[in-house]
Amino acid sequence: MNAKLLQKIEELTLYMIEQNKRTNKIEQENQDLRKEIATIKKTILN
């Protein structure tokens, strides 16, 4: 029983690590896109 629980904890931990990496990547892409939008708006308004 303990071995199965430890295995499940390991699986969930690895899943959380992957999700965290994915979230960080998406947040970086979001930040890059916001900067690009700001640059475009500046260009259009000037």
PDB file of N, CA and C in Angstrom:
ATOM      1  N   MET A   1       0.841  -1.209   0.000  1.00  0.00           N
ATOM      2  CA  MET A   1       0.000   0.000   0.000  1.00  0.00           C
ATOM      3  C   MET A   1       0.871   1.253   0.000  1.00  0.00           C
ATOM      4  N   ASN A   2       1.863   1.322   0.879  1.00  0.00           N
ATOM      5  CA  ASN A   2       2.731   2.495   0.936  1.00  0.00           C
ATOM      6  C   ASN A   2       3.498   2.701  -0.367  1.00  0.00           C
ATOM      7  N   ALA A   3       3.904   1.596  -0.980  1.00  0.00           N
ATOM      8  CA  ALA A   3       4.649   1.692  -2.239  1.00  0.00           C
ATOM      9  C   ALA A   3       3.775   2.313  -3.327  1.00  0.00           C
ATOM     10  N   LYS A   4       2.508   1.908  -3.369  1.00  0.00           N
ATOM     11  CA  LYS A   4       1.590   2.478  -4.369  1.00  0.00           C
ATOM     12  C   LYS A   4       1.363   3.965  -4.115  1.00  0.00           C
ATOM     13  N   LEU A   5       1.221   4.331  -2.866  1.00  0.00           N
ATOM     14  CA  LEU A   5       1.022   5.738  -2.533  1.00  0.00           C
ATOM     15  C   LEU A   5       2.253   6.570  -2.905  1.00  0.00           C
ATOM     16  N   LEU A   6       3.423   6.042  -2.618  1.00  0.00           N
ATOM     17  CA  LEU A   6       4.656   6.755  -2.981  1.00  0.00           C
ATOM     18  C   LEU A   6       4.787   6.898  -4.496  1.00  0.00           C
ATOM     19  N   GLN A   7       4.407   5.856  -5.211  1.00  0.00           N
ATOM     20  CA  GLN A   7       4.456   5.917  -6.672  1.00  0.00           C
ATOM     21  C   GLN A   7       3.491   6.989  -7.188  1.00  0.00           C
ATOM     22  N   LYS A   8       2.315   7.038  -6.637  1.00  0.00           N
ATOM     23  CA  LYS A   8       1.319   8.040  -7.063  1.00  0.00           C
ATOM     24  C   LYS A   8       1.799   9.454  -6.730  1.00  0.00           C
ATOM     25  N   ILE A   9       2.405   9.619  -5.555  1.00  0.00           N
ATOM     26  CA  ILE A   9       2.947  10.928  -5.175  1.00  0.00           C
ATOM     27  C   ILE A   9       4.021  11.349  -6.172  1.00  0.00           C
ATOM     28  N   GLU A  10       4.875  10.409  -6.558  1.00  0.00           N
ATOM     29  CA  GLU A  10       5.922  10.719  -7.532  1.00  0.00           C
ATOM     30  C   GLU A  10       5.323  11.129  -8.877  1.00  0.00           C
ATOM     31  N   GLU A  11       4.311  10.391  -9.323  1.00  0.00           N
ATOM     32  CA  GLU A  11       3.649  10.725 -10.592  1.00  0.00           C
ATOM     33  C   GLU A  11       3.035  12.124 -10.541  1.00  0.00           C
ATOM     34  N   LEU A  12       2.356  12.410  -9.438  1.00  0.00           N
ATOM     35  CA  LEU A  12       1.717  13.722  -9.304  1.00  0.00           C
ATOM     36  C   LEU A  12       2.749  14.846  -9.200  1.00  0.00           C
ATOM     37  N   THR A  13       3.844  14.568  -8.527  1.00  0.00           N
ATOM     38  CA  THR A  13       4.913  15.564  -8.417  1.00  0.00           C
ATOM     39  C   THR A  13       5.496  15.875  -9.788  1.00  0.00           C
ATOM     40  N   LEU A  14       5.770  14.831 -10.570  1.00  0.00           N
ATOM     41  CA  LEU A  14       6.304  15.040 -11.926  1.00  0.00           C
ATOM     42  C   LEU A  14       5.300  15.800 -12.794  1.00  0.00           C
ATOM     43  N   TYR A  15       4.016  15.469 -12.634  1.00  0.00           N
ATOM     44  CA  TYR A  15       2.975  16.173 -13.379  1.00  0.00           C
ATOM     45  C   TYR A  15       2.949  17.652 -13.004  1.00  0.00           C
ATOM     46  N   MET A  16       3.056  17.935 -11.712  1.00  0.00           N
ATOM     47  CA  MET A  16       3.059  19.331 -11.256  1.00  0.00           C
ATOM     48  C   MET A  16       4.275  20.085 -11.791  1.00  0.00           C
ATOM     49  N   ILE A  17       5.415  19.444 -11.829  1.00  0.00           N
ATOM     50  CA  ILE A  17       6.625  20.082 -12.363  1.00  0.00           C
ATOM     51  C   ILE A  17       6.421  20.439 -13.829  1.00  0.00           C
ATOM     52  N   GLU A  18       5.862  19.514 -14.604  1.00  0.00           N
ATOM     53  CA  GLU A  18       5.606  19.781 -16.024  1.00  0.00           C
ATOM     54  C   GLU A  18       4.591  20.902 -16.206  1.00  0.00           C
ATOM     55  N   GLN A  19       3.554  20.905 -15.392  1.00  0.00           N
ATOM     56  CA  GLN A  19       2.546  21.960 -15.473  1.00  0.00           C
ATOM     57  C   GLN A  19       3.156  23.318 -15.124  1.00  0.00           C
ATOM     58  N   ASN A  20       4.038  23.329 -14.149  1.00  0.00           N
ATOM     59  CA  ASN A  20       4.701  24.567 -13.752  1.00  0.00           C
ATOM     60  C   ASN A  20       5.561  25.101 -14.891  1.00  0.00           C
ATOM     61  N   LYS A  21       6.286  24.219 -15.558  1.00  0.00           N
ATOM     62  CA  LYS A  21       7.104  24.623 -16.707  1.00  0.00           C
ATOM     63  C   LYS A  21       6.222  25.203 -17.808  1.00  0.00           C
ATOM     64  N   ARG A  22       5.104  24.532 -18.046  1.00  0.00           N
ATOM     65  CA  ARG A  22       4.179  24.987 -19.094  1.00  0.00           C
ATOM     66  C   ARG A  22       3.592  26.360 -18.737  1.00  0.00           C
ATOM     67  N   THR A  23       3.216  26.532 -17.488  1.00  0.00           N
ATOM     68  CA  THR A  23       2.665  27.809 -17.029  1.00  0.00           C
ATOM     69  C   THR A  23       3.697  28.922 -17.174  1.00  0.00           C
ATOM     70  N   ASN A  24       4.932  28.659 -16.791  1.00  0.00           N
ATOM     71  CA  ASN A  24       5.986  29.661 -16.920  1.00  0.00           C
ATOM     72  C   ASN A  24       6.201  30.059 -18.373  1.00  0.00           C
ATOM     73  N   LYS A  25       6.178  29.076 -19.266  1.00  0.00           N
ATOM     74  CA  LYS A  25       6.347  29.357 -20.694  1.00  0.00           C
ATOM     75  C   LYS A  25       5.199  30.230 -21.212  1.00  0.00           C
ATOM     76  N   ILE A  26       3.990  29.895 -20.815  1.00  0.00           N
ATOM     77  CA  ILE A  26       2.820  30.667 -21.260  1.00  0.00           C
ATOM     78  C   ILE A  26       2.873  32.091 -20.699  1.00  0.00           C
ATOM     79  N   GLU A  27       3.279  32.239 -19.452  1.00  0.00           N
ATOM     80  CA  GLU A  27       3.393  33.569 -18.856  1.00  0.00           C
ATOM     81  C   GLU A  27       4.440  34.407 -19.595  1.00  0.00           C
ATOM     82  N   GLN A  28       5.550  33.787 -19.984  1.00  0.00           N
ATOM     83  CA  GLN A  28       6.583  34.513 -20.731  1.00  0.00           C
ATOM     84  C   GLN A  28       6.065  34.933 -22.107  1.00  0.00           C
ATOM     85  N   GLU A  29       5.360  34.022 -22.781  1.00  0.00           N
ATOM     86  CA  GLU A  29       4.774  34.357 -24.083  1.00  0.00           C
ATOM     87  C   GLU A  29       3.770  35.495 -23.936  1.00  0.00           C
ATOM     88  N   ASN A  30       2.980  35.459 -22.886  1.00  0.00           N
ATOM     89  CA  ASN A  30       1.997  36.505 -22.623  1.00  0.00           C
ATOM     90  C   ASN A  30       2.697  37.855 -22.440  1.00  0.00           C
ATOM     91  N   GLN A  31       3.752  37.861 -21.651  1.00  0.00           N
ATOM     92  CA  GLN A  31       4.506  39.096 -21.415  1.00  0.00           C
ATOM     93  C   GLN A  31       5.099  39.622 -22.727  1.00  0.00           C
ATOM     94  N   ASP A  32       5.658  38.733 -23.532  1.00  0.00           N
ATOM     95  CA  ASP A  32       6.226  39.142 -24.824  1.00  0.00           C
ATOM     96  C   ASP A  32       5.153  39.740 -25.728  1.00  0.00           C
ATOM     97  N   LEU A  33       3.992  39.114 -25.756  1.00  0.00           N
ATOM     98  CA  LEU A  33       2.904  39.619 -26.596  1.00  0.00           C
ATOM     99  C   LEU A  33       2.406  40.975 -26.113  1.00  0.00           C
ATOM    100  N   ARG A  34       2.348  41.165 -24.804  1.00  0.00           N
ATOM    101  CA  ARG A  34       1.927  42.466 -24.266  1.00  0.00           C
ATOM    102  C   ARG A  34       2.904  43.564 -24.687  1.00  0.00           C
ATOM    103  N   LYS A  35       4.200  43.260 -24.652  1.00  0.00           N
ATOM    104  CA  LYS A  35       5.202  44.236 -25.089  1.00  0.00           C
ATOM    105  C   LYS A  35       5.042  44.548 -26.568  1.00  0.00           C
ATOM    106  N   GLU A  36       4.799  43.515 -27.350  1.00  0.00           N
ATOM    107  CA  GLU A  36       4.626  43.709 -28.791  1.00  0.00           C
ATOM    108  C   GLU A  36       3.383  44.552 -29.082  1.00  0.00           C
ATOM    109  N   ILE A  37       2.302  44.301 -28.370  1.00  0.00           N
ATOM    110  CA  ILE A  37       1.072  45.088 -28.539  1.00  0.00           C
ATOM    111  C   ILE A  37       1.321  46.546 -28.165  1.00  0.00           C
ATOM    112  N   ALA A  38       2.038  46.760 -27.066  1.00  0.00           N
ATOM    113  CA  ALA A  38       2.333  48.128 -26.638  1.00  0.00           C
ATOM    114  C   ALA A  38       3.145  48.856 -27.702  1.00  0.00           C
ATOM    115  N   THR A  39       4.111  48.163 -28.292  1.00  0.00           N
ATOM    116  CA  THR A  39       4.933  48.765 -29.357  1.00  0.00           C
ATOM    117  C   THR A  39       4.078  49.108 -30.562  1.00  0.00           C
ATOM    118  N   ILE A  40       3.192  48.207 -30.935  1.00  0.00           N
ATOM    119  CA  ILE A  40       2.313  48.452 -32.091  1.00  0.00           C
ATOM    120  C   ILE A  40       1.391  49.631 -31.817  1.00  0.00           C
ATOM    121  N   LYS A  41       0.825  49.683 -30.622  1.00  0.00           N
ATOM    122  CA  LYS A  41      -0.068  50.805 -30.278  1.00  0.00           C
ATOM    123  C   LYS A  41       0.684  52.123 -30.359  1.00  0.00           C
ATOM    124  N   LYS A  42       1.926  52.144 -29.846  1.00  0.00           N
ATOM    125  CA  LYS A  42       2.730  53.362 -29.896  1.00  0.00           C
ATOM    126  C   LYS A  42       2.952  53.811 -31.342  1.00  0.00           C
ATOM    127  N   THR A  43       3.253  52.845 -32.188  1.00  0.00           N
ATOM    128  CA  THR A  43       3.505  53.138 -33.602  1.00  0.00           C
ATOM    129  C   THR A  43       2.260  53.699 -34.274  1.00  0.00           C
ATOM    130  N   ILE A  44       1.116  53.129 -33.979  1.00  0.00           N
ATOM    131  CA  ILE A  44      -0.141  53.560 -34.606  1.00  0.00           C
ATOM    132  C   ILE A  44      -0.539  54.951 -34.113  1.00  0.00           C
ATOM    133  N   LEU A  45      -0.350  55.218 -32.822  1.00  0.00           N
ATOM    134  CA  LEU A  45      -0.797  56.485 -32.254  1.00  0.00           C
ATOM    135  C   LEU A  45       0.127  57.648 -32.609  1.00  0.00           C
ATOM    136  N   ASN A  46       1.353  57.354 -33.004  1.00  0.00           N
ATOM    137  CA  ASN A  46       2.304  58.443 -33.339  1.00  0.00           C
ATOM    138  C   ASN A  46       2.309  58.772 -34.778  1.00  0.00           C
TER     139      ASN A  46
END
